[in-house]
Amino acid sequence: MTHSFRKSLPTRREMLTQSANGFGMLALSAMLADEAKADVKLNAPIQDPLAPKAPQFPAKAKRVIFLFMHGGPSQVDTFDYKPLLERDDGKPLPFNKPRVVSGQTGNLLKSPWSFKQHGQSGAWASELFPEIASHADDICFIKSMYGSNSRHGGALLELHTGSDTFVRPSMGSWVTYGLGTENRNLPGFITVCPTLSHGAENNFSSAFLPAIYQGTPVGNAGTPSDKAKIPFITGDTPTQLQRMEIDFFNRMNRERLQVTGPDNGLEGRIDSFELAFRMQATAPQLQDLSNETPLTQKLYGLDDPATANYGRQCLMARRFAEAGVRFIQISHSYKWDQHGNLRKDHAKNAREVDRPIAGLLYDLKQRGLLEDTLVWWGGEFGRTPTAQGGDGRDHNPHGFTMWLAGGGIKPGISYGATDDYGYYSVENKVHFHDLHATILHQLGLDHEKLTYKHAGRNFRLTDVHGRVVREILA
C-alpha cells in the first residue's frame, strides 16, 4: 500500500507543469483587477474642487466685495481730514519726503473740498462723498494703511497678491481655495470689469494654485458694464448633447493624465468645462438686471448716466453675493491717478461711485447680507499732501485710507492715523499683509495655516508677515 501511495504522488516537474496554468490565471486575474480599478478611476465622477469647505474656525463673514479704486484716491481729499494742511497751504513740508518717490512734488496743497463729521461716530468725510458719509456709522475707516511700492504695477500686485515682485495667487484665489463656493453652479471668485494694465490678469490669477481658483472676469476695464457678461455659457447645443460631449472630452483628458501625471493646466480645463456647463442654468438670469425693481435700480444710480456704469457693477456684486460667490471685485478703473487736474477729476470720479456704493451698503443691510458680507473699499495707494503739476498729487504708499464695512468688523470707528499733514502712517500702522490677514480671519481662515506647497516650500498670501488687526473686530 505504501508503494502504491508513492506512485500516486506527482513529481516536482509534473507539479510545476500542472500548476503553470494556475499561476497564469492568478496573474491574469490580478491584471484584470488592476485594469478594472483603472477604468473605475477614469470613469469616476470628478471631485469638485469648488465644493463648499468648512472654515478653520467660526467665521464672521461668508464673502467679500472689494470696491477697487484703481489709480489711488487721495486720503487727504476724501476721509483723512488735516486742519494743518489747510492752514499751511503753499508752505514747504516741515519734514523730509521719502527717499524713493514716484515723482517730484512741491509745497503743501490743501484740499479743495470741505470736510465735516457724520453720524454718531463723528467720522470725517469730505464733500466728495456725501452718500457714503451717510453710512459712516456702518463703516470702519483704517487711516494708517501703508504699502511697499510707489508704482502702480508693483502696488497693484502687492494689494491683490501680497507680493510686488513675484507672480503669486491673488487674494480671491486664496479665499476660494480655502472655502470653495457657496453655489457650485457659479465660480468662487468673480471680477467685474477688471483692469487691463498694471499687472492685468495677474491681479486675479491663481498662479500656482489649481487653475479653477482663478478669478472669472466679467468684461474688462474697456467694456461698459451693461455689455459685461460671463463668456461662453450660452449656446444652441442641446443640454443632453453638451453633457455627452463634455463627458467624452473629460474621458480623453483624464486618460491623458494617466500618461502625463499631474497637470494643472489640463486639470483646470476639465474643471472649467464642468463649471461652464453648470453655470448655464444660473449665470444668464443672474446677470439680467431687468428683473430688479425700478426703485432698486434707482437706488444704485442706474437712472443717471454719470452713475449707471458703476451702479450696474455694484448691483451685480450684490446679486453675485446673494447667489453665493465668495469673492467679488468691482473696479473703478483706471481713473484715480491725478498728477494734475485734481479738483476736476477727483470730483468726477467720486460722483460716479458715491451713490452706487451707498446704494450697495443700504441694499446689503436691508436684506440682512451686510452682517456676513465684508465690503472693502480702497486703491493701491494714496496721494501726497504736496503738490504736483500745480493742481495734482503724486503716488503715496506711506500713508492712506481704506475702509471696511460688515462681516464682523467694528462699525462706526476710525483706526490708526497719519501725521499732521497726511503723508506717513504713524499710529497703529496697517500694512497690506495685516489687512489680508484680518480679512482672512473674518472668513474663518488662519493666514498662517492657509498654505499651499509649491516648488518645495509652503506658500501663503501673507508670506512670512501679517498680523490680524483685532482692534477693529466686533
Protein backbone atom coordinates (compact mmCIF):
# COMPACT_ATOMS: atom_id res chain seq x y z
CA MET A 1 0.00 0.00 0.00
CA THR A 2 2.84 2.28 0.78
CA HIS A 3 4.34 1.65 -2.63
CA SER A 4 1.07 2.38 -4.47
CA PHE A 5 0.63 5.65 -2.48
CA ARG A 6 4.07 6.85 -3.51
CA LYS A 7 3.29 6.04 -7.16
CA SER A 8 0.22 8.35 -6.96
CA LEU A 9 2.28 11.43 -5.89
CA PRO A 10 3.34 13.77 -8.75
CA THR A 11 6.97 14.51 -9.32
CA ARG A 12 8.29 18.10 -8.91
CA ARG A 13 8.35 18.52 -12.70
CA GLU A 14 4.76 17.27 -13.02
CA MET A 15 3.60 19.57 -10.21
CA LEU A 16 5.14 22.66 -11.85
CA THR A 17 3.68 21.70 -15.23
CA GLN A 18 0.22 21.22 -13.80
CA SER A 19 0.44 24.47 -11.75
CA ALA A 20 1.60 26.66 -14.61
CA ASN A 21 -1.89 27.34 -15.86
CA GLY A 22 -2.97 28.23 -12.32
CA PHE A 23 -0.14 30.76 -11.93
CA GLY A 24 -1.12 32.27 -15.26
CA MET A 25 -4.73 32.57 -14.20
CA LEU A 26 -3.66 34.30 -10.97
CA ALA A 27 -1.53 36.78 -12.89
CA LEU A 28 -4.31 37.38 -15.41
CA SER A 29 -6.90 37.96 -12.70
CA ALA A 30 -4.56 40.45 -10.98
CA MET A 31 -4.01 42.27 -14.27
CA LEU A 32 -7.73 42.39 -14.96
CA ALA A 33 -8.36 43.66 -11.45
CA ASP A 34 -5.82 46.48 -11.93
CA GLU A 35 -7.37 47.35 -15.26
CA ALA A 36 -10.81 47.38 -13.69
CA LYS A 37 -9.56 49.69 -10.94
CA ALA A 38 -8.02 51.98 -13.53
CA ASP A 39 -11.27 52.01 -15.51
CA VAL A 40 -13.23 52.81 -12.37
CA LYS A 41 -10.83 55.66 -11.62
CA LEU A 42 -11.11 57.02 -15.16
CA ASN A 43 -14.88 56.89 -15.08
CA ALA A 44 -15.36 58.07 -11.51
CA PRO A 45 -17.05 61.45 -11.05
CA ILE A 46 -14.59 64.33 -10.93
CA GLN A 47 -14.22 65.64 -7.41
CA ASP A 48 -15.46 69.23 -7.41
CA PRO A 49 -12.64 71.50 -6.14
CA LEU A 50 -15.17 74.31 -5.65
CA ALA A 51 -17.31 72.27 -3.25
CA PRO A 52 -18.01 74.25 -0.04
CA LYS A 53 -15.36 73.73 2.65
CA ALA A 54 -15.69 74.37 6.36
CA PRO A 55 -13.67 77.32 7.69
CA GLN A 56 -10.80 76.60 10.04
CA PHE A 57 -12.72 78.29 12.88
CA PRO A 58 -16.11 80.02 13.21
CA ALA A 59 -16.34 82.79 10.63
CA LYS A 60 -17.97 86.20 10.89
CA ALA A 61 -18.08 86.70 7.10
CA LYS A 62 -19.01 84.36 4.28
CA ARG A 63 -17.96 86.51 1.35
CA VAL A 64 -16.08 89.66 0.32
CA ILE A 65 -16.98 92.52 -2.04
CA PHE A 66 -13.90 94.54 -2.96
CA LEU A 67 -14.62 98.02 -4.35
CA PHE A 68 -11.30 98.72 -6.07
CA MET A 69 -10.50 102.36 -6.85
CA HIS A 70 -7.72 101.90 -9.40
CA GLY A 71 -5.20 104.74 -9.51
CA GLY A 72 -5.02 105.75 -5.86
CA PRO A 73 -7.63 108.07 -4.29
CA SER A 74 -6.26 110.91 -2.18
CA GLN A 75 -6.76 110.29 1.53
CA VAL A 76 -6.41 114.00 2.38
CA ASP A 77 -9.25 114.84 -0.03
CA THR A 78 -11.65 112.07 0.99
CA PHE A 79 -11.66 110.73 4.57
CA ASP A 80 -8.45 111.91 6.32
CA TYR A 81 -9.09 115.49 7.45
CA LYS A 82 -5.94 117.52 8.13
CA PRO A 83 -6.53 121.05 9.52
CA LEU A 84 -2.78 121.84 9.44
CA LEU A 85 -2.67 121.05 5.73
CA GLU A 86 -5.35 123.67 5.20
CA ARG A 87 -3.56 126.16 7.45
CA ASP A 88 -0.12 125.67 5.86
CA ASP A 89 -1.23 125.55 2.23
CA GLY A 90 1.64 126.59 -0.05
CA LYS A 91 4.37 126.15 2.58
CA PRO A 92 7.17 123.54 2.40
CA LEU A 93 6.58 120.17 4.05
CA PRO A 94 8.16 120.59 7.53
CA PHE A 95 9.87 117.18 7.44
CA ASN A 96 11.70 115.04 4.91
CA LYS A 97 9.94 113.44 1.99
CA PRO A 98 10.56 109.72 1.33
CA ARG A 99 13.96 108.83 -0.10
CA VAL A 100 12.30 107.00 -3.02
CA VAL A 101 9.40 108.78 -4.68
CA SER A 102 7.38 108.23 -7.82
CA GLY A 103 7.94 111.82 -8.91
CA GLN A 104 8.96 115.21 -7.56
CA THR A 105 6.45 117.33 -5.65
CA GLY A 106 6.47 120.89 -4.35
CA ASN A 107 4.89 122.55 -1.37
CA LEU A 108 1.81 121.58 0.62
CA LEU A 109 -1.53 121.66 -1.18
CA LYS A 110 -4.71 121.97 0.86
CA SER A 111 -7.81 120.04 -0.14
CA PRO A 112 -10.19 121.89 -2.45
CA TRP A 113 -13.11 120.26 -0.61
CA SER A 114 -14.53 120.98 2.80
CA PHE A 115 -14.82 118.31 5.50
CA LYS A 116 -17.39 117.69 8.18
CA GLN A 117 -18.24 115.00 10.70
CA HIS A 118 -21.02 112.48 10.17
CA GLY A 119 -23.22 110.18 12.24
CA GLN A 120 -22.94 109.33 15.91
CA SER A 121 -19.37 108.21 15.27
CA GLY A 122 -18.36 111.69 14.13
CA ALA A 123 -16.34 110.28 11.24
CA TRP A 124 -14.78 112.89 8.99
CA ALA A 125 -15.55 112.87 5.26
CA SER A 126 -15.17 115.44 2.54
CA GLU A 127 -17.98 116.79 0.43
CA LEU A 128 -16.80 114.43 -2.34
CA PHE A 129 -18.67 111.53 -0.70
CA PRO A 130 -21.93 112.76 0.85
CA GLU A 131 -23.78 109.48 0.19
CA ILE A 132 -21.09 107.19 1.59
CA ALA A 133 -20.70 109.58 4.54
CA SER A 134 -24.36 108.98 5.42
CA HIS A 135 -23.32 105.37 6.23
CA ALA A 136 -20.43 106.45 8.48
CA ASP A 137 -21.81 104.55 11.46
CA ASP A 138 -21.61 101.29 9.50
CA ILE A 139 -18.01 101.85 8.39
CA CYS A 140 -14.57 101.23 9.89
CA PHE A 141 -12.09 103.72 8.43
CA ILE A 142 -8.48 102.50 8.52
CA LYS A 143 -6.43 105.69 8.23
CA SER A 144 -2.99 104.15 8.71
CA MET A 145 -2.61 101.92 5.66
CA TYR A 146 0.79 101.60 4.02
CA GLY A 147 2.43 99.52 1.31
CA SER A 148 5.87 98.89 -0.11
CA ASN A 149 5.74 100.15 -3.68
CA SER A 150 5.13 103.59 -5.17
CA ARG A 151 4.49 102.36 -8.73
CA HIS A 152 1.09 101.23 -9.94
CA GLY A 153 2.22 97.84 -11.24
CA GLY A 154 4.02 96.73 -8.10
CA ALA A 155 1.44 98.29 -5.79
CA LEU A 156 -1.47 96.57 -7.54
CA LEU A 157 0.25 93.21 -7.31
CA GLU A 158 1.03 93.74 -3.62
CA LEU A 159 -2.55 94.77 -2.93
CA HIS A 160 -4.03 91.80 -4.79
CA THR A 161 -1.45 89.06 -4.19
CA GLY A 162 0.72 90.11 -1.25
CA SER A 163 3.85 90.35 -3.40
CA ASP A 164 5.08 93.25 -5.53
CA THR A 165 7.93 91.29 -7.09
CA PHE A 166 6.70 87.78 -7.93
CA VAL A 167 3.64 86.26 -9.59
CA ARG A 168 1.57 84.88 -6.72
CA PRO A 169 -2.04 83.74 -6.29
CA SER A 170 -4.48 86.59 -5.83
CA MET A 171 -6.43 87.04 -2.64
CA GLY A 172 -9.69 85.93 -4.24
CA SER A 173 -7.97 82.72 -5.35
CA TRP A 174 -6.71 82.04 -1.82
CA VAL A 175 -10.19 82.59 -0.40
CA THR A 176 -11.77 80.24 -2.95
CA TYR A 177 -9.05 77.64 -2.39
CA GLY A 178 -9.72 77.80 1.35
CA LEU A 179 -13.51 77.83 1.32
CA GLY A 180 -14.80 76.75 -2.08
CA THR A 181 -18.01 78.39 -3.25
CA GLU A 182 -21.42 78.54 -1.62
CA ASN A 183 -23.01 77.94 -5.04
CA ARG A 184 -21.48 75.11 -7.09
CA ASN A 185 -23.14 76.48 -10.22
CA LEU A 186 -21.05 79.66 -10.04
CA PRO A 187 -17.34 80.47 -9.75
CA GLY A 188 -15.98 81.15 -6.30
CA PHE A 189 -14.23 84.33 -7.48
CA ILE A 190 -15.63 86.88 -9.95
CA THR A 191 -14.00 90.14 -11.01
CA VAL A 192 -16.21 92.64 -12.85
CA CYS A 193 -14.58 94.95 -15.42
CA PRO A 194 -11.02 94.27 -14.18
CA THR A 195 -8.11 96.46 -15.17
CA LEU A 196 -6.22 95.78 -18.39
CA SER A 197 -2.98 97.31 -17.10
CA HIS A 198 -0.61 97.28 -14.11
CA GLY A 199 -0.44 93.51 -13.80
CA ALA A 200 -3.73 92.87 -15.63
CA GLU A 201 -4.73 89.20 -15.22
CA ASN A 202 -2.02 88.62 -12.61
CA ASN A 203 -4.24 90.60 -10.24
CA PHE A 204 -6.88 87.86 -10.37
CA SER A 205 -4.69 84.90 -11.30
CA SER A 206 -4.43 81.67 -9.33
CA ALA A 207 -0.69 81.45 -10.21
CA PHE A 208 0.48 78.06 -8.89
CA LEU A 209 -2.83 77.22 -7.21
CA PRO A 210 -5.08 74.97 -9.33
CA ALA A 211 -6.50 76.94 -12.24
CA ILE A 212 -10.12 76.55 -11.10
CA TYR A 213 -9.42 79.07 -8.31
CA GLN A 214 -8.54 81.96 -10.61
CA GLY A 215 -10.96 84.85 -10.95
CA THR A 216 -13.61 84.69 -13.66
CA PRO A 217 -13.57 88.05 -15.46
CA VAL A 218 -16.88 89.62 -16.42
CA GLY A 219 -15.94 92.09 -19.13
CA ASN A 220 -12.90 94.31 -18.58
CA ALA A 221 -11.99 97.92 -17.94
CA GLY A 222 -12.64 98.74 -21.59
CA THR A 223 -16.16 97.25 -21.55
CA PRO A 224 -19.20 99.22 -20.37
CA SER A 225 -20.79 97.33 -17.52
CA ASP A 226 -24.05 96.84 -19.44
CA LYS A 227 -22.05 94.85 -22.01
CA ALA A 228 -20.01 92.89 -19.45
CA LYS A 229 -21.11 89.26 -19.37
CA ILE A 230 -19.64 85.95 -18.29
CA PRO A 231 -18.41 84.50 -21.60
CA PHE A 232 -19.11 81.15 -23.25
CA ILE A 233 -22.03 79.97 -21.14
CA THR A 234 -24.81 80.13 -23.71
CA GLY A 235 -25.21 78.25 -26.95
CA ASP A 236 -27.60 76.43 -29.24
CA THR A 237 -26.39 72.91 -28.44
CA PRO A 238 -28.99 70.86 -26.51
CA THR A 239 -28.03 70.22 -22.89
CA GLN A 240 -28.03 66.43 -23.25
CA LEU A 241 -25.67 66.60 -26.21
CA GLN A 242 -23.40 69.03 -24.37
CA ARG A 243 -23.25 66.61 -21.46
CA MET A 244 -22.21 63.79 -23.79
CA GLU A 245 -19.54 65.98 -25.41
CA ILE A 246 -18.11 67.09 -22.06
CA ASP A 247 -18.05 63.51 -20.76
CA PHE A 248 -16.19 62.46 -23.92
CA PHE A 249 -13.63 65.28 -23.61
CA ASN A 250 -13.19 64.63 -19.91
CA ARG A 251 -12.52 60.95 -20.51
CA MET A 252 -9.85 61.74 -23.10
CA ASN A 253 -8.27 64.36 -20.83
CA ARG A 254 -8.26 62.05 -17.82
CA GLU A 255 -6.74 59.26 -19.87
CA ARG A 256 -4.06 61.74 -20.85
CA LEU A 257 -3.45 62.50 -17.18
CA GLN A 258 -2.77 58.79 -16.61
CA VAL A 259 0.14 59.18 -19.01
CA THR A 260 1.47 62.62 -18.07
CA GLY A 261 0.79 62.66 -14.36
CA PRO A 262 -0.49 65.82 -12.61
CA ASP A 263 -1.01 68.72 -15.00
CA ASN A 264 -2.58 71.89 -13.54
CA GLY A 265 -3.46 73.26 -16.95
CA LEU A 266 -5.25 70.13 -18.10
CA GLU A 267 -6.97 69.59 -14.78
CA GLY A 268 -8.09 73.22 -14.84
CA ARG A 269 -9.55 72.69 -18.31
CA ILE A 270 -11.57 69.70 -17.08
CA ASP A 271 -12.85 71.74 -14.12
CA SER A 272 -13.67 74.73 -16.30
CA PHE A 273 -15.73 72.60 -18.72
CA GLU A 274 -17.75 71.24 -15.82
CA LEU A 275 -18.24 74.66 -14.24
CA ALA A 276 -19.24 76.30 -17.53
CA PHE A 277 -21.82 73.54 -18.08
CA ARG A 278 -23.32 74.10 -14.62
CA MET A 279 -23.28 77.89 -14.99
CA GLN A 280 -25.65 77.81 -17.96
CA ALA A 281 -28.59 77.26 -15.66
CA THR A 282 -27.72 80.09 -13.24
CA ALA A 283 -25.49 82.81 -14.68
CA PRO A 284 -27.59 84.26 -17.54
CA GLN A 285 -30.56 85.15 -15.36
CA LEU A 286 -28.24 86.30 -12.57
CA GLN A 287 -26.72 88.90 -14.90
CA ASP A 288 -30.12 90.11 -16.11
CA LEU A 289 -30.80 93.23 -14.06
CA SER A 290 -34.14 93.93 -15.71
CA ASN A 291 -35.97 91.92 -13.06
CA GLU A 292 -34.83 94.35 -10.35
CA THR A 293 -37.50 96.84 -9.31
CA PRO A 294 -37.29 100.42 -10.62
CA LEU A 295 -36.77 101.55 -7.02
CA THR A 296 -33.74 99.27 -6.63
CA GLN A 297 -32.28 100.35 -9.96
CA LYS A 298 -32.67 103.97 -8.90
CA LEU A 299 -31.03 103.20 -5.54
CA TYR A 300 -27.88 102.14 -7.41
CA GLY A 301 -27.96 105.12 -9.75
CA LEU A 302 -28.97 103.31 -12.92
CA ASP A 303 -31.23 106.25 -13.77
CA ASP A 304 -28.26 108.65 -14.08
CA PRO A 305 -25.69 108.38 -16.92
CA ALA A 306 -22.95 109.52 -14.52
CA THR A 307 -23.54 106.70 -12.05
CA ALA A 308 -25.11 103.97 -14.20
CA ASN A 309 -21.89 102.26 -15.23
CA TYR A 310 -20.52 101.70 -11.73
CA GLY A 311 -24.04 101.29 -10.38
CA ARG A 312 -24.52 98.20 -12.54
CA GLN A 313 -21.30 96.76 -11.18
CA CYS A 314 -22.47 97.35 -7.60
CA LEU A 315 -25.84 95.79 -8.32
CA MET A 316 -24.18 92.79 -9.96
CA ALA A 317 -21.95 92.48 -6.90
CA ARG A 318 -24.99 92.28 -4.62
CA ARG A 319 -26.60 89.66 -6.86
CA PHE A 320 -23.41 87.58 -7.01
CA ALA A 321 -23.03 87.83 -3.23
CA GLU A 322 -26.64 86.82 -2.70
CA ALA A 323 -26.13 83.84 -5.03
CA GLY A 324 -23.13 82.55 -3.07
CA VAL A 325 -19.98 83.83 -4.82
CA ARG A 326 -17.18 84.03 -2.23
CA PHE A 327 -15.09 86.90 -3.57
CA ILE A 328 -16.41 89.64 -5.84
CA GLN A 329 -14.28 92.51 -7.08
CA ILE A 330 -15.67 95.51 -8.95
CA SER A 331 -13.19 98.04 -10.31
CA HIS A 332 -13.44 101.74 -10.99
CA SER A 333 -10.55 101.63 -13.38
CA TYR A 334 -8.20 103.43 -14.15
CA LYS A 335 -9.36 106.87 -13.00
CA TRP A 336 -7.91 108.00 -9.68
CA ASP A 337 -4.35 108.87 -10.75
CA GLN A 338 -4.50 112.66 -10.54
CA HIS A 339 -0.98 114.00 -11.01
CA GLY A 340 -2.84 117.06 -12.29
CA ASN A 341 -6.45 118.22 -12.55
CA LEU A 342 -7.20 117.00 -9.05
CA ARG A 343 -10.19 119.26 -8.49
CA LYS A 344 -11.89 118.31 -11.74
CA ASP A 345 -11.12 114.58 -11.97
CA HIS A 346 -11.42 113.53 -8.31
CA ALA A 347 -14.82 115.25 -8.27
CA LYS A 348 -15.89 113.39 -11.42
CA ASN A 349 -14.64 110.06 -10.05
CA ALA A 350 -16.38 110.48 -6.71
CA ARG A 351 -19.59 111.48 -8.47
CA GLU A 352 -19.53 108.21 -10.44
CA VAL A 353 -19.15 105.90 -7.42
CA ASP A 354 -20.61 107.67 -4.37
CA ARG A 355 -24.29 106.94 -4.95
CA PRO A 356 -23.81 103.35 -6.22
CA ILE A 357 -21.61 102.39 -3.25
CA ALA A 358 -24.03 103.94 -0.77
CA GLY A 359 -26.85 102.08 -2.53
CA LEU A 360 -24.93 98.82 -2.19
CA LEU A 361 -24.38 99.35 1.56
CA TYR A 362 -28.05 100.19 2.08
CA ASP A 363 -29.27 97.24 0.00
CA LEU A 364 -26.97 94.74 1.69
CA LYS A 365 -28.05 95.96 5.11
CA GLN A 366 -31.79 95.92 4.46
CA ARG A 367 -31.53 92.40 3.01
CA GLY A 368 -29.58 91.14 6.04
CA LEU A 369 -26.50 90.47 3.89
CA LEU A 370 -24.15 93.09 5.37
CA GLU A 371 -23.87 91.06 8.55
CA ASP A 372 -21.91 88.30 6.81
CA THR A 373 -20.60 90.19 3.76
CA LEU A 374 -17.35 92.08 4.19
CA VAL A 375 -17.28 95.21 1.99
CA TRP A 376 -13.79 96.61 1.33
CA TRP A 377 -13.04 99.98 -0.34
CA GLY A 378 -9.68 101.36 -1.46
CA GLY A 379 -6.94 101.78 -4.03
CA GLU A 380 -3.36 100.61 -4.41
CA PHE A 381 -2.02 103.65 -2.51
CA GLY A 382 -2.93 107.22 -1.59
CA ARG A 383 -1.64 110.61 -2.73
CA THR A 384 0.91 113.09 -1.40
CA PRO A 385 -0.22 116.15 0.58
CA THR A 386 2.31 118.06 -1.52
CA ALA A 387 1.51 119.46 -4.94
CA GLN A 388 2.48 118.08 -8.32
CA GLY A 389 1.78 119.71 -11.66
CA GLY A 390 0.11 122.67 -9.99
CA ASP A 391 -3.23 121.00 -9.24
CA GLY A 392 -2.28 117.39 -8.59
CA ARG A 393 -0.70 114.92 -6.17
CA ASP A 394 1.86 112.15 -6.61
CA HIS A 395 1.60 108.49 -5.54
CA ASN A 396 1.92 107.90 -1.80
CA PRO A 397 2.20 104.33 -0.42
CA HIS A 398 3.39 105.56 3.00
CA GLY A 399 0.04 106.54 4.48
CA PHE A 400 -3.51 106.34 3.15
CA THR A 401 -7.08 105.33 3.95
CA MET A 402 -9.16 102.24 3.27
CA TRP A 403 -12.47 101.32 4.79
CA LEU A 404 -14.33 98.13 5.70
CA ALA A 405 -17.99 97.51 6.48
CA GLY A 406 -19.97 94.47 7.61
CA GLY A 407 -18.59 90.96 8.02
CA GLY A 408 -17.94 91.25 11.76
CA ILE A 409 -15.89 94.46 11.51
CA LYS A 410 -16.46 97.01 14.28
CA PRO A 411 -18.70 99.73 12.79
CA GLY A 412 -18.50 103.48 13.33
CA ILE A 413 -14.80 103.73 14.18
CA SER A 414 -11.65 105.25 12.75
CA TYR A 415 -8.48 103.28 13.36
CA GLY A 416 -4.89 104.48 13.09
CA ALA A 417 -3.61 107.83 11.91
CA THR A 418 -1.22 109.58 9.57
CA ASP A 419 0.96 112.55 10.56
CA ASP A 420 -0.44 116.09 10.79
CA TYR A 421 -0.26 116.53 7.02
CA GLY A 422 -1.31 113.04 5.92
CA TYR A 423 2.00 111.87 4.42
CA TYR A 424 3.14 108.98 6.65
CA SER A 425 1.25 106.38 8.63
CA VAL A 426 2.37 106.94 12.24
CA GLU A 427 -0.17 105.39 14.61
CA ASN A 428 -1.39 101.76 14.60
CA LYS A 429 0.11 101.17 11.17
CA VAL A 430 -1.62 98.58 8.96
CA HIS A 431 0.30 97.00 6.08
CA PHE A 432 -1.38 95.17 3.21
CA HIS A 433 -0.24 91.92 4.85
CA ASP A 434 -2.09 92.89 8.05
CA LEU A 435 -5.24 93.76 6.10
CA HIS A 436 -5.09 90.44 4.23
CA ALA A 437 -4.61 88.53 7.48
CA THR A 438 -7.60 90.33 9.02
CA ILE A 439 -9.93 89.70 6.09
CA LEU A 440 -8.97 86.00 6.02
CA HIS A 441 -9.59 85.84 9.77
CA GLN A 442 -13.12 87.18 9.33
CA LEU A 443 -13.72 84.41 6.80
CA GLY A 444 -12.61 81.81 9.34
CA LEU A 445 -9.15 81.28 7.82
CA ASP A 446 -5.84 81.49 9.69
CA HIS A 447 -3.45 83.30 7.35
CA GLU A 448 -0.52 81.31 8.76
CA LYS A 449 -2.23 77.97 8.12
CA LEU A 450 -3.84 78.63 4.74
CA THR A 451 -0.87 77.30 2.77
CA TYR A 452 -0.10 75.54 -0.49
CA LYS A 453 3.05 73.57 -1.22
CA HIS A 454 4.79 74.63 -4.42
CA ALA A 455 8.39 74.26 -5.60
CA GLY A 456 9.39 72.53 -2.39
CA ARG A 457 8.04 75.03 0.13
CA ASN A 458 4.75 76.17 1.63
CA PHE A 459 3.36 79.48 0.38
CA ARG A 460 0.67 81.70 1.84
CA LEU A 461 -0.98 85.02 0.97
CA THR A 462 0.89 86.91 3.68
CA ASP A 463 4.25 85.15 3.05
CA VAL A 464 6.06 85.40 6.43
CA HIS A 465 4.34 88.61 7.52
CA GLY A 466 1.00 89.92 8.72
CA ARG A 467 -1.00 90.21 11.93
CA VAL A 468 -4.74 90.20 12.47
CA VAL A 469 -5.84 93.74 13.42
CA ARG A 470 -8.02 92.61 16.30
CA GLU A 471 -8.73 96.17 17.42
CA ILE A 472 -11.18 96.62 14.52
CA LEU A 473 -13.07 93.36 15.07
CA ALA A 474 -16.57 93.50 16.54
